[in-house]
C-alpha cells in the first residue's frame, strides 16, 4: 500500500551543517533528507545562531508578517530566513532574534561555563515562534516533529494554547528524546514565560517536576507519539532513575506511545569509499588503503610507526562520566602497559583533560591527546584506527560505533542503549559478530574485553573477517526514515486520543 505523502516539520535546536554541539545535529541533518527521498515534503526549523554562516548558505530573508511572540511580560519580534536544499528538496527555516540567538555558543555562557540564564525564554520563543511562523506562511504540517527539551514545548502548545486553533486541527506531534539527561528544568516562574494557564501546574502535572517547570516532561506528556534513538534505550529510560533521571514514571504511563528507532548514518559522508576528508579511500572489496590511513594518523599524532603492527585504538567523545571515562581512569596505567597505541579526540570535564594529559606525559609513544573538535581528524581516526572504544555508562544511540563498523574499525563497547542494539559480540568459535561487548559497568570487565580484542587482533584471518562483518552492516538513514514514517502515521491516528 502506498504511503500518503506527508507534510513534515522537523524542529530542532541544532542541525548539521548549520549549528552543532552533538549527535542531535547529525540526526536532524540527515533524517529530513532521507524523508524527502521517500517522497515527503519536509521543512526543518532551528534558531538563527551566530554560528550559522549566512554567507556560506546564502540565507534569504522571507517577507512574512509574524505577530509579536509573548514571552512572559515581553512581546518579542522575530523574523524568518530560509535556505533551500535543491536535492533532495528540503527547506530550512531560521528563527531570527539577535537578542536571544546571536551569541557565542548555543546553550552555555562562555564567560561563566554555565547555561544561559534565559534559556527558558530562548526556547519558549523558539517553540511558540515556530508555530506562528507556520501560520504566517500558511503551511499546515501533518506532523510537527520536536527534538529534545529545547523544542518540546511545541507538543505542549498544540494541546493547550493552540488546541482550538483550526490551523493546527489536523497536525499531530512526535517528540524525540535523544538524551534524557538534559531536560530543560527551570524555576516555577518559567510557567509565566510559557504562557499556559497556571491551572496546568500542580504536583505531578505535565509541567511540574519537583516544584520546577520541566520542558522535557511537558513534551513527553503532551506529544501524540514519542520515540527515542534505540529500542534498548526506550526500555532503559522506563526502568529506573539511573536511566530515567526522574522521568521514568511519566514515561511508563506513556509506554504504549513510546518507540525506539536506531539512528541511521549518512554514508555519503561517513563511508571509506566516499569520504572526502581522508587521503586514502578504501572499500569492503579492497581494504589495503586502511593501513595507509593508519600510518598517516600515527604521523599526524606524533606516534611511532612500528613494524610489529601495534593495534591502534581510537576514541572520539565528549569527555564525561556518562561516556565511561571513570572506568578508563581506573585502568589507565594497566592499559598503557599493554602493546597498543591510543588516539583520543574530544573535550569535556577538566578532570579528564588532566587525566589524559598525565597519561600522555607518562607514555608519549603510546597515546595522543587532542582536546577539542576537529572534523577531519575525526574522519581519519575512524579510517586509521584498528579498534574504537565506547565504554559508556549509558548511550541513547551512539553514532561513532556505526561509523566504525563502516570503516572496518572494530568497536569495543558496553552493552547499553544503542550500543547493545547495534554491536553483536564476537564469537570466538564461529567468527560471527561485529565487535567486543562487555556487560557490567566495571573497570576490570572493560580491561578483560580490551585484552580479548588485542588477542584476536593477532589472528589476522579472524580479524579480517571481523572487520568485514561490520563493513557489511547497513545502518543507512533510508531504513530509519521508513520507521519514522510509521510512527508519524501512528501519531496522526492517535492525535485526538492523548489524555494529559
Protein backbone atom coordinates (compact mmCIF):
# COMPACT_ATOMS: atom_id res chain seq x y z
CA UNK A 1 0.00 0.00 0.00
CA UNK A 2 1.37 3.39 -1.00
CA UNK A 3 2.13 5.72 1.92
CA UNK A 4 0.48 9.13 1.90
CA UNK A 5 2.86 11.99 1.09
CA UNK A 6 3.20 13.79 4.41
CA UNK A 7 3.99 17.41 5.20
CA UNK A 8 6.58 17.17 7.98
CA UNK A 9 8.13 19.93 10.07
CA UNK A 10 11.26 18.90 11.96
CA UNK A 11 12.08 21.31 14.78
CA UNK A 12 15.49 21.03 16.40
CA UNK A 13 17.79 23.31 18.38
CA UNK A 14 20.71 22.22 16.20
CA UNK A 15 21.08 20.85 12.69
CA UNK A 16 24.10 19.88 10.58
CA UNK A 17 25.59 21.66 8.65
CA UNK A 18 24.36 24.89 10.24
CA UNK A 19 24.86 24.51 14.00
CA UNK A 20 26.12 21.61 16.08
CA UNK A 21 27.15 20.66 19.60
CA UNK A 22 26.44 16.91 19.43
CA UNK A 23 24.80 13.95 17.73
CA UNK A 24 21.34 15.57 17.74
CA UNK A 25 22.57 17.88 14.97
CA UNK A 26 23.72 14.91 12.87
CA UNK A 27 20.35 13.19 13.22
CA UNK A 28 18.35 16.30 12.35
CA UNK A 29 20.67 17.00 9.44
CA UNK A 30 20.30 13.54 7.88
CA UNK A 31 16.71 12.48 8.68
CA UNK A 32 14.99 15.30 6.69
CA UNK A 33 16.94 14.40 3.55
CA UNK A 34 16.07 10.72 3.93
CA UNK A 35 12.38 11.58 4.38
CA UNK A 36 12.47 13.82 1.31
CA UNK A 37 14.00 10.99 -0.72
CA UNK A 38 11.00 8.88 0.31
CA UNK A 39 8.74 11.48 -1.31
CA UNK A 40 7.60 13.51 1.71
CA UNK A 41 7.50 17.31 1.88
CA UNK A 42 9.94 18.32 4.63
CA UNK A 43 10.83 21.60 6.30
CA UNK A 44 13.35 21.99 9.12
CA UNK A 45 13.41 24.86 11.62
CA UNK A 46 16.09 25.99 14.08
CA UNK A 47 17.19 29.24 15.72
CA UNK A 48 19.46 31.54 13.71
CA UNK A 49 22.53 31.37 15.94
CA UNK A 50 25.70 33.36 15.40
CA UNK A 51 27.49 30.21 14.21
CA UNK A 52 25.07 29.81 11.29
CA UNK A 53 27.09 31.12 8.34
CA UNK A 54 24.68 33.31 6.37
CA UNK A 55 27.12 33.94 3.52
CA UNK A 56 28.10 30.29 3.03
CA UNK A 57 24.49 29.15 2.85
CA UNK A 58 23.16 32.31 1.20
CA UNK A 59 20.26 32.66 3.61
CA UNK A 60 17.31 34.67 2.29
CA UNK A 61 15.03 36.85 4.38
CA UNK A 62 11.37 35.92 3.97
CA UNK A 63 8.72 38.63 3.93
CA UNK A 64 6.40 37.10 6.47
CA UNK A 65 4.08 39.07 8.73
CA UNK A 66 4.69 37.32 12.06
CA UNK A 67 2.89 38.68 15.14
CA UNK A 68 4.89 39.60 18.23
CA UNK A 69 5.58 36.50 20.33
CA UNK A 70 4.60 36.72 24.00
CA UNK A 71 7.37 35.52 26.33
CA UNK A 72 6.20 36.33 29.85
CA UNK A 73 5.68 40.08 30.04
CA UNK A 74 7.68 40.67 26.84
CA UNK A 75 6.39 40.81 23.30
CA UNK A 76 9.28 39.71 21.11
CA UNK A 77 9.74 40.47 17.42
CA UNK A 78 11.09 37.65 15.26
CA UNK A 79 11.79 37.35 11.57
CA UNK A 80 12.50 34.30 9.47
CA UNK A 81 15.16 33.38 6.93
CA UNK A 82 15.49 30.30 4.80
CA UNK A 83 17.79 28.10 2.79
CA UNK A 84 16.61 25.64 0.15
CA UNK A 85 18.43 22.38 -0.43
CA UNK A 86 17.64 21.51 -4.06
CA UNK A 87 18.25 17.76 -4.00
CA UNK A 88 16.70 16.15 -2.10
CA UNK A 89 14.32 19.07 -1.74
CA UNK A 90 14.29 20.34 1.86
CA UNK A 91 13.59 23.87 3.09
CA UNK A 92 15.44 25.08 6.19
CA UNK A 93 13.84 27.90 8.19
CA UNK A 94 15.69 30.01 10.76
CA UNK A 95 14.03 31.88 13.62
CA UNK A 96 15.85 35.21 13.78
CA UNK A 97 16.06 37.16 17.02
CA UNK A 98 19.52 38.53 17.77
CA UNK A 99 18.64 39.34 21.38
CA UNK A 100 18.27 35.63 22.11
CA UNK A 101 20.29 33.76 19.48
CA UNK A 102 23.21 35.96 18.39
CA UNK A 103 25.61 34.51 20.95
CA UNK A 104 28.97 32.80 21.02
CA UNK A 105 27.59 29.38 21.94
CA UNK A 106 24.25 27.63 21.59
CA UNK A 107 23.34 26.92 25.21
CA UNK A 108 26.18 27.94 27.52
CA UNK A 109 27.59 31.30 28.54
CA UNK A 110 31.29 31.17 27.68
CA UNK A 111 32.13 33.67 30.43
CA UNK A 112 30.63 31.53 33.22
CA UNK A 113 30.70 27.99 31.84
CA UNK A 114 27.04 27.62 32.85
CA UNK A 115 23.83 27.57 30.82
CA UNK A 116 22.47 30.94 29.73
CA UNK A 117 20.16 32.21 32.47
CA UNK A 118 17.42 32.95 29.93
CA UNK A 119 17.45 29.56 28.18
CA UNK A 120 13.81 29.15 29.20
CA UNK A 121 12.87 32.35 27.33
CA UNK A 122 15.07 31.45 24.34
CA UNK A 123 13.31 28.15 23.75
CA UNK A 124 9.82 29.36 24.65
CA UNK A 125 10.40 31.83 21.83
CA UNK A 126 11.63 29.08 19.52
CA UNK A 127 8.65 26.81 20.21
CA UNK A 128 5.89 29.40 20.04
CA UNK A 129 7.63 31.37 17.31
CA UNK A 130 7.80 28.26 15.14
CA UNK A 131 4.06 27.71 15.32
CA UNK A 132 3.40 31.36 14.50
CA UNK A 133 5.77 31.19 11.53
CA UNK A 134 3.84 28.21 10.18
CA UNK A 135 0.58 30.13 10.49
CA UNK A 136 2.03 33.28 8.93
CA UNK A 137 3.36 31.31 5.97
CA UNK A 138 0.17 29.26 5.62
CA UNK A 139 1.98 25.93 5.68
CA UNK A 140 -0.06 23.35 7.60
CA UNK A 141 2.06 20.32 8.54
CA UNK A 142 0.64 16.87 9.11
CA UNK A 143 3.43 16.33 11.66
CA UNK A 144 5.38 18.61 13.96
CA UNK A 145 8.41 16.57 14.96
CA UNK A 146 10.09 18.15 18.01
CA UNK A 147 13.50 17.09 19.27
CA UNK A 148 14.76 17.21 22.87
CA UNK A 149 13.75 19.69 25.55
CA UNK A 150 14.53 22.81 23.51
CA UNK A 151 11.60 22.17 21.17
CA UNK A 152 9.45 20.02 23.49
CA UNK A 153 7.01 22.85 24.19
CA UNK A 154 5.69 22.62 20.62
CA UNK A 155 3.91 19.38 21.51
CA UNK A 156 2.51 21.04 24.65
CA UNK A 157 1.37 24.16 22.81
CA UNK A 158 -0.55 22.13 20.23
CA UNK A 159 -2.59 20.60 23.06
CA UNK A 160 -3.04 23.81 25.11
CA UNK A 161 -2.83 27.34 23.67
CA UNK A 162 -3.33 26.15 20.07
CA UNK A 163 -5.71 23.30 20.87
CA UNK A 164 -8.71 25.11 19.36
CA UNK A 165 -6.82 26.79 16.53
CA UNK A 166 -8.31 25.47 13.29
CA UNK A 167 -4.97 25.93 11.54
CA UNK A 168 -3.49 23.04 13.55
CA UNK A 169 -6.63 20.92 13.65
CA UNK A 170 -5.02 18.20 11.53
CA UNK A 171 -1.47 18.50 12.94
CA UNK A 172 -0.08 15.67 15.07
CA UNK A 173 3.05 15.83 17.19
CA UNK A 174 6.00 13.48 17.56
CA UNK A 175 8.63 14.07 20.22
CA UNK A 176 12.10 12.53 20.01
CA UNK A 177 14.21 12.04 23.13
CA UNK A 178 17.87 12.00 22.17
CA UNK A 179 19.32 12.23 25.68
CA UNK A 180 17.03 12.22 28.71
CA UNK A 181 19.76 13.57 30.99
CA UNK A 182 19.18 17.07 29.59
CA UNK A 183 15.63 18.11 30.43
CA UNK A 184 15.23 21.88 30.47
CA UNK A 185 14.45 22.20 34.17
CA UNK A 186 13.59 25.76 35.24
CA UNK A 187 12.10 27.61 38.24
CA UNK A 188 8.32 27.79 38.58
CA UNK A 189 8.45 31.35 37.22
CA UNK A 190 9.12 29.86 33.76
CA UNK A 191 5.43 28.95 33.58
CA UNK A 192 4.57 32.64 33.12
CA UNK A 193 7.02 32.82 30.21
CA UNK A 194 5.49 29.75 28.59
CA UNK A 195 2.08 31.41 28.77
CA UNK A 196 -0.11 28.44 29.62
CA UNK A 197 -2.74 28.55 32.34
CA UNK A 198 -1.48 28.31 35.92
CA UNK A 199 -4.15 25.65 36.39
CA UNK A 200 -1.84 23.29 34.47
CA UNK A 201 0.83 23.49 37.16
CA UNK A 202 0.24 21.24 40.17
CA UNK A 203 2.08 18.27 41.73
CA UNK A 204 2.70 15.53 39.13
CA UNK A 205 1.15 17.59 36.32
CA UNK A 206 2.62 17.70 32.81
CA UNK A 207 4.68 20.83 33.50
CA UNK A 208 5.61 20.23 37.16
CA UNK A 209 8.77 18.43 38.30
CA UNK A 210 9.70 18.70 41.99
CA UNK A 211 8.33 22.24 42.15
CA UNK A 212 10.05 23.32 38.95
CA UNK A 213 8.95 23.56 35.32
CA UNK A 214 10.34 20.77 33.15
CA UNK A 215 10.22 21.25 29.37
CA UNK A 216 11.12 17.61 28.64
CA UNK A 217 8.30 16.34 30.84
CA UNK A 218 5.83 18.60 29.03
CA UNK A 219 6.91 17.16 25.69
CA UNK A 220 6.61 13.59 26.96
CA UNK A 221 3.17 14.29 28.45
CA UNK A 222 1.59 16.04 25.50
CA UNK A 223 3.12 14.50 22.37
CA UNK A 224 0.87 12.18 20.40
CA UNK A 225 3.73 9.74 19.92
CA UNK A 226 7.29 9.65 21.24
CA UNK A 227 10.43 7.89 20.29
CA UNK A 228 13.96 7.58 21.48
CA UNK A 229 17.00 6.65 19.49
CA UNK A 230 17.29 2.92 20.17
CA UNK A 231 14.98 0.15 21.29
CA UNK A 232 17.10 -0.73 24.32
CA UNK A 233 17.25 2.90 25.49
CA UNK A 234 13.46 3.11 25.20
CA UNK A 235 13.26 0.25 27.72
CA UNK A 236 16.09 1.53 29.93
CA UNK A 237 14.61 5.01 30.45
CA UNK A 238 11.45 3.45 31.88
CA UNK A 239 13.33 1.02 34.12
CA UNK A 240 15.00 3.14 36.81
CA UNK A 241 16.08 6.61 37.87
CA UNK A 242 19.62 5.80 36.67
CA UNK A 243 18.39 5.99 33.07
CA UNK A 244 15.09 7.85 33.52
CA UNK A 245 16.57 10.74 35.53
CA UNK A 246 13.33 11.15 37.47
CA UNK A 247 11.02 10.88 34.45
CA UNK A 248 10.79 7.08 34.39
CA UNK A 249 7.33 7.19 35.96
CA UNK A 250 5.76 9.50 33.38
CA UNK A 251 7.47 7.51 30.62
CA UNK A 252 5.89 4.31 31.92
CA UNK A 253 2.45 5.95 31.73
CA UNK A 254 3.15 6.63 28.02
CA UNK A 255 4.68 3.22 27.32
CA UNK A 256 2.18 2.38 24.59
CA UNK A 257 3.16 5.53 22.68
CA UNK A 258 6.95 5.22 23.10
CA UNK A 259 9.04 3.66 20.34
CA UNK A 260 12.73 3.02 19.78
CA UNK A 261 14.32 3.77 16.41
CA UNK A 262 18.07 3.40 15.95
CA UNK A 263 19.64 6.40 14.23
CA UNK A 264 20.91 5.98 10.71
CA UNK A 265 24.13 7.38 9.36
CA UNK A 266 24.84 9.29 6.17
CA UNK A 267 27.02 7.02 4.07
CA UNK A 268 27.72 9.87 1.64
CA UNK A 269 29.67 11.47 4.48
CA UNK A 270 30.71 8.52 6.64
CA UNK A 271 31.99 5.82 4.31
CA UNK A 272 35.61 4.95 3.49
CA UNK A 273 34.67 4.73 -0.19
CA UNK A 274 33.28 8.28 -0.43
CA UNK A 275 34.91 10.10 2.49
CA UNK A 276 36.38 13.37 1.18
CA UNK A 277 38.26 14.05 4.41
CA UNK A 278 40.61 11.06 4.28
CA UNK A 279 43.60 10.78 1.98
CA UNK A 280 43.19 7.11 1.10
CA UNK A 281 39.78 5.73 0.25
CA UNK A 282 39.06 2.02 0.52
CA UNK A 283 36.14 -0.42 0.44
CA UNK A 284 34.93 -3.82 1.55
CA UNK A 285 36.39 -5.28 -1.65
CA UNK A 286 39.85 -3.77 -1.10
CA UNK A 287 40.77 -2.57 2.38
CA UNK A 288 44.52 -2.23 1.78
CA UNK A 289 44.41 1.58 1.98
CA UNK A 290 43.21 1.39 5.58
CA UNK A 291 46.84 0.71 6.51
CA UNK A 292 47.91 3.94 4.77
CA UNK A 293 45.36 5.91 6.78
CA UNK A 294 46.75 4.37 9.95
CA UNK A 295 50.28 5.40 9.03
CA UNK A 296 49.10 8.94 8.27
CA UNK A 297 47.16 9.13 11.55
CA UNK A 298 50.19 7.98 13.57
CA UNK A 299 52.40 10.55 11.84
CA UNK A 300 49.88 13.34 12.40
CA UNK A 301 49.57 12.41 16.08
CA UNK A 302 53.35 12.10 16.60
CA UNK A 303 53.11 8.42 17.45
CA UNK A 304 55.79 5.98 16.27
CA UNK A 305 55.06 3.58 13.43
CA UNK A 306 56.08 0.06 14.41
CA UNK A 307 56.94 -2.79 12.06
CA UNK A 308 55.19 -5.06 14.61
CA UNK A 309 51.80 -3.62 13.63
CA UNK A 310 50.74 -2.49 17.10
CA UNK A 311 46.93 -2.16 17.37
CA UNK A 312 45.66 1.42 17.44
CA UNK A 313 42.54 2.24 19.49
CA UNK A 314 40.57 5.39 18.66
CA UNK A 315 38.29 7.42 20.93
CA UNK A 316 36.14 10.33 19.74
CA UNK A 317 33.88 11.53 22.52
CA UNK A 318 32.63 14.10 24.94
CA UNK A 319 34.96 13.52 27.89
CA UNK A 320 32.42 12.91 30.65
CA UNK A 321 31.40 10.31 33.22
CA UNK A 322 28.49 9.24 31.03
CA UNK A 323 30.94 8.07 28.38
CA UNK A 324 32.75 5.69 30.72
CA UNK A 325 35.92 7.65 31.31
CA UNK A 326 35.79 6.98 35.04
CA UNK A 327 36.39 3.33 34.10
CA UNK A 328 39.32 4.32 31.91
CA UNK A 329 40.76 6.35 34.78
CA UNK A 330 40.86 3.19 36.91
CA UNK A 331 42.70 1.12 34.31
CA UNK A 332 44.86 3.84 32.75
CA UNK A 333 48.24 2.55 33.94
CA UNK A 334 47.45 -1.07 33.09
CA UNK A 335 46.09 -0.07 29.70
CA UNK A 336 49.27 1.77 28.78
CA UNK A 337 51.36 -1.23 29.87
CA UNK A 338 49.83 -3.22 27.02
CA UNK A 339 51.17 -3.43 23.49
CA UNK A 340 48.85 -0.82 21.94
CA UNK A 341 48.52 2.82 20.95
CA UNK A 342 45.68 5.21 21.72
CA UNK A 343 44.36 8.31 19.93
CA UNK A 344 41.83 10.48 21.76
CA UNK A 345 39.79 13.35 20.32
CA UNK A 346 37.27 15.27 22.40
CA UNK A 347 36.61 17.81 25.08
CA UNK A 348 34.61 17.84 28.28
CA UNK A 349 35.24 17.65 32.00
CA UNK A 350 38.50 19.17 33.22
CA UNK A 351 39.35 16.11 35.34
CA UNK A 352 39.55 14.02 32.16
CA UNK A 353 41.60 16.65 30.38
CA UNK A 354 44.11 16.35 33.23
CA UNK A 355 43.93 12.53 33.26
CA UNK A 356 44.77 12.16 29.58
CA UNK A 357 47.46 14.83 29.70
CA UNK A 358 49.10 12.94 32.57
CA UNK A 359 48.86 9.68 30.62
CA UNK A 360 50.48 11.43 27.68
CA UNK A 361 53.39 12.61 29.83
CA UNK A 362 53.92 9.04 31.13
CA UNK A 363 53.76 7.34 27.71
CA UNK A 364 54.24 9.83 24.89
CA UNK A 365 54.93 6.99 22.45
CA UNK A 366 51.58 5.31 23.20
CA UNK A 367 48.93 8.00 23.49
CA UNK A 368 47.91 11.09 21.53
CA UNK A 369 45.52 13.51 23.25
CA UNK A 370 43.64 16.04 21.11
CA UNK A 371 41.40 18.25 23.24
CA UNK A 372 38.78 19.95 21.08
CA UNK A 373 36.74 19.15 18.00
CA UNK A 374 38.43 18.52 14.66
CA UNK A 375 36.17 17.04 11.97
CA UNK A 376 38.94 15.97 9.52
CA UNK A 377 40.82 14.31 12.38
CA UNK A 378 37.61 12.55 13.46
CA UNK A 379 37.29 11.02 9.99
CA UNK A 380 40.94 10.00 9.96
CA UNK A 381 40.62 8.35 13.39
CA UNK A 382 37.71 6.28 12.09
CA UNK A 383 39.65 5.33 8.96
CA UNK A 384 43.04 4.78 10.57
CA UNK A 385 42.25 3.07 13.89
CA UNK A 386 42.04 -0.68 14.30
CA UNK A 387 39.53 -0.50 17.17
CA UNK A 388 37.15 2.10 18.55
CA UNK A 389 36.40 2.32 22.27
CA UNK A 390 32.98 3.32 23.71
CA UNK A 391 32.65 2.08 27.33
CA UNK A 392 29.58 4.24 28.06
CA UNK A 393 27.62 4.18 31.31
CA UNK A 394 24.57 4.84 29.13
CA UNK A 395 24.29 5.64 25.43
CA UNK A 396 20.89 6.53 23.92
CA UNK A 397 22.07 5.53 20.45
CA UNK A 398 25.64 6.42 19.64
CA UNK A 399 26.89 7.20 16.14
CA UNK A 400 30.61 6.53 16.27
CA UNK A 401 30.18 2.79 16.69
CA UNK A 402 28.13 2.86 13.46
CA UNK A 403 30.78 4.90 11.65
CA UNK A 404 33.41 2.47 12.94
CA UNK A 405 31.61 -0.56 11.52
CA UNK A 406 31.61 1.00 8.05
CA UNK A 407 35.32 1.84 8.26
CA UNK A 408 36.31 -1.66 9.39
CA UNK A 409 37.31 -0.26 12.78
CA UNK A 410 36.18 -2.84 15.32
CA UNK A 411 34.08 -1.38 18.18
CA UNK A 412 34.68 -2.22 21.85
CA UNK A 413 31.51 -1.19 23.66
CA UNK A 414 29.42 -1.67 26.77
CA UNK A 415 26.05 -3.41 26.42
CA UNK A 416 23.74 -0.44 26.91
CA UNK A 417 21.27 1.58 24.82
CA UNK A 418 22.08 1.83 21.14
CA UNK A 419 25.41 0.10 21.63
CA UNK A 420 23.56 -3.04 22.69
CA UNK A 421 21.25 -2.77 19.67
CA UNK A 422 23.93 -2.25 17.02
CA UNK A 423 27.04 -4.24 18.02
CA UNK A 424 27.00 -8.05 18.04
CA UNK A 425 29.53 -9.61 20.40
CA UNK A 426 32.30 -11.55 18.67
CA UNK A 427 32.06 -15.33 18.94
CA UNK A 428 35.49 -16.93 19.18
CA UNK A 429 34.18 -20.30 17.93
CA UNK A 430 32.14 -19.20 14.91
CA UNK A 431 33.84 -15.92 13.99
CA UNK A 432 30.44 -14.23 13.90
CA UNK A 433 29.84 -10.82 15.41
CA UNK A 434 30.88 -7.24 14.72
CA UNK A 435 32.71 -6.13 17.88
CA UNK A 436 33.52 -6.78 21.51
CA UNK A 437 30.79 -6.17 24.08
CA UNK A 438 31.08 -6.16 27.87
CA UNK A 439 28.01 -6.22 30.09
CA UNK A 440 28.65 -4.77 33.54
CA UNK A 441 29.83 -1.23 34.21
CA UNK A 442 33.06 -2.49 35.70
CA UNK A 443 36.66 -1.46 35.04
CA UNK A 444 38.09 -4.98 35.25
CA UNK A 445 35.46 -6.27 32.81
CA UNK A 446 36.39 -3.47 30.40
CA UNK A 447 40.06 -4.38 30.77
CA UNK A 448 39.39 -8.05 30.07
CA UNK A 449 37.43 -7.13 26.94
CA UNK A 450 40.22 -4.92 25.60
CA UNK A 451 42.73 -7.74 26.22
CA UNK A 452 40.49 -10.17 24.32
CA UNK A 453 40.31 -7.78 21.38
CA UNK A 454 44.11 -7.47 21.38
CA UNK A 455 44.47 -11.28 21.30
CA UNK A 456 42.06 -11.64 18.38
CA UNK A 457 43.87 -8.83 16.53
CA UNK A 458 46.96 -11.04 16.33
CA UNK A 459 44.96 -13.66 14.40
CA UNK A 460 44.97 -11.83 11.08
CA UNK A 461 42.44 -14.01 9.21
CA UNK A 462 39.97 -13.87 12.10
CA UNK A 463 40.45 -10.12 12.44
CA UNK A 464 39.90 -9.53 8.72
CA UNK A 465 36.63 -11.48 8.88
CA UNK A 466 35.55 -9.46 11.91
CA UNK A 467 36.28 -6.19 10.11
CA UNK A 468 34.30 -7.28 7.07
CA UNK A 469 31.38 -8.46 9.22
CA UNK A 470 31.00 -4.86 10.38
CA UNK A 471 31.54 -3.26 6.98
CA UNK A 472 28.66 -5.32 5.55
CA UNK A 473 26.14 -3.89 8.02
CA UNK A 474 23.58 -1.38 6.75
CA UNK A 475 22.59 1.42 9.10
CA UNK A 476 21.55 3.81 6.35
CA UNK A 477 19.03 6.57 7.03
CA UNK A 478 16.61 5.10 4.48
CA UNK A 479 15.85 2.23 6.86
CA UNK A 480 15.44 4.54 9.87
CA UNK A 481 13.39 7.09 7.91
CA UNK A 482 10.80 4.44 6.98
CA UNK A 483 10.39 3.65 10.68
CA UNK A 484 9.86 7.35 11.42
CA UNK A 485 7.14 7.47 8.77
CA UNK A 486 5.44 4.58 10.56
CA UNK A 487 5.33 6.46 13.86
CA UNK A 488 4.18 9.63 12.07
CA UNK A 489 1.21 7.60 10.83
CA UNK A 490 0.57 6.35 14.38
CA UNK A 491 0.67 9.94 15.67
CA UNK A 492 -1.90 11.04 13.12
CA UNK A 493 -4.17 8.20 14.23
CA UNK A 494 -3.70 8.98 17.95
CA UNK A 495 -3.64 12.77 17.92
CA UNK A 496 -7.17 13.11 19.30
CA UNK A 497 -6.79 10.48 22.00
CA UNK A 498 -3.97 11.71 24.24
CA UNK A 499 -5.30 12.43 27.70
CA UNK A 500 -2.94 14.53 29.82
